[in-house]
Amino acid sequence: MALAPPSSADVAIPGRAWDGHDYASSDGRWVEVCDMEDDANRVYGESETTTGTHRVFDGNGHAGGCGNAIFNRVREFRVCEEIDFWPDSCSGWVGP
């Protein structure tokens, strides 16, 4: 019996939002936030879910590893960078 490769409808491909080199990605439940810049600015992802807006931080700065969380359903998300004494820099909202 030959197995067919999964179709694109069978494979969850996460969406990604960028702010400079920092990014957030989501597959609709899981959210990952990665600080990729050595600039001392904290990076977080904002996620609109069925229970409200949630923030996920990359707690170790630009060091290896990223911040992540799992939600029931992510409707849209974005990545933001905290900039002292200025408004935070954020990507546009994207869907998973």
Protein backbone atom coordinates (compact mmCIF):
# COMPACT_ATOMS: atom_id res chain seq x y z
CA MET A 1 0.00 0.00 0.00
CA ALA A 2 1.46 3.38 -1.03
CA LEU A 3 1.11 6.33 1.31
CA ALA A 4 0.40 9.74 -0.13
CA PRO A 5 2.26 12.74 1.29
CA PRO A 6 0.13 14.98 3.49
CA SER A 7 -1.61 17.81 1.72
CA SER A 8 -1.11 21.41 2.82
CA ALA A 9 -4.50 21.20 4.57
CA ASP A 10 -3.08 18.42 6.79
CA VAL A 11 0.07 20.26 7.87
CA ALA A 12 -0.05 23.23 10.27
CA ILE A 13 2.37 25.86 9.01
CA PRO A 14 2.81 28.61 11.59
CA GLY A 15 2.37 32.25 10.68
CA ARG A 16 5.16 34.65 11.56
CA ALA A 17 5.31 38.35 12.47
CA TRP A 18 8.56 40.34 12.30
CA ASP A 19 9.79 43.54 13.96
CA GLY A 20 13.34 44.04 12.75
CA HIS A 21 15.04 40.69 13.40
CA ASP A 22 12.71 39.82 16.32
CA TYR A 23 9.77 37.56 15.56
CA ALA A 24 6.70 35.81 16.89
CA SER A 25 5.08 32.76 15.32
CA SER A 26 1.93 30.75 15.93
CA ASP A 27 0.19 27.66 14.63
CA GLY A 28 -3.18 28.69 16.11
CA ARG A 29 -2.53 27.38 19.66
CA TRP A 30 1.18 27.60 20.33
CA VAL A 31 2.94 31.01 20.30
CA GLU A 32 6.71 31.51 20.22
CA VAL A 33 8.51 34.84 20.70
CA CYS A 34 12.20 35.27 19.86
CA ASP A 35 14.49 38.22 20.61
CA MET A 36 17.16 38.10 17.92
CA GLU A 37 18.77 41.51 18.50
CA ASP A 38 21.56 42.35 20.96
CA ASP A 39 20.08 45.75 21.88
CA ALA A 40 18.89 45.31 25.51
CA ASN A 41 15.23 45.87 24.51
CA ARG A 42 12.71 43.31 25.81
CA VAL A 43 10.64 41.51 23.19
CA TYR A 44 7.11 40.18 23.64
CA GLY A 45 4.32 38.73 21.58
CA GLU A 46 0.71 39.84 21.95
CA SER A 47 -1.94 37.26 21.12
CA GLU A 48 -5.66 37.78 20.69
CA THR A 49 -7.32 34.58 21.89
CA THR A 50 -10.79 33.40 22.81
CA THR A 51 -10.12 34.57 26.39
CA GLY A 52 -8.63 38.02 25.64
CA THR A 53 -5.24 39.54 24.90
CA HIS A 54 -2.15 37.84 26.32
CA ARG A 55 1.55 38.71 26.34
CA VAL A 56 4.39 36.21 26.03
CA PHE A 57 7.94 37.45 26.69
CA ASP A 58 11.28 36.09 25.55
CA GLY A 59 12.59 36.06 29.11
CA ASN A 60 16.28 35.56 28.36
CA GLY A 61 16.80 38.42 25.93
CA HIS A 62 18.76 37.59 22.80
CA ALA A 63 20.37 34.51 24.41
CA GLY A 64 19.55 31.10 22.91
CA GLY A 65 15.98 29.92 23.28
CA CYS A 66 12.67 31.72 22.92
CA GLY A 67 9.57 32.36 25.03
CA ASN A 68 6.45 30.33 24.29
CA ALA A 69 2.97 29.53 25.53
CA ILE A 70 -0.05 27.45 24.52
CA PHE A 71 -3.57 28.88 24.29
CA ASN A 72 -6.94 27.39 23.40
CA ARG A 73 -7.19 29.39 20.17
CA VAL A 74 -5.04 32.21 18.81
CA ARG A 75 -7.00 34.46 16.44
CA GLU A 76 -4.14 36.86 15.63
CA PHE A 77 -0.79 37.89 17.06
CA ARG A 78 2.08 40.34 16.70
CA VAL A 79 5.60 40.88 18.01
CA CYS A 80 6.66 44.01 19.91
CA GLU A 81 9.90 45.46 21.22
CA GLU A 82 9.93 47.61 24.36
CA ILE A 83 11.85 50.82 23.74
CA ASP A 84 12.60 53.02 26.76
CA PHE A 85 10.94 56.45 26.68
CA TRP A 86 9.29 55.74 23.31
CA PRO A 87 6.19 53.83 22.23
CA ASP A 88 6.83 50.12 21.74
CA SER A 89 7.68 49.09 18.19
CA CYS A 90 5.21 46.42 16.98
CA SER A 91 4.61 44.47 13.81
CA GLY A 92 1.18 44.41 12.28
CA TRP A 93 -1.33 41.80 13.47
CA VAL A 94 -1.14 38.50 11.55
CA GLY A 95 -3.09 35.28 11.68
CA PRO A 96 -1.65 31.87 12.48
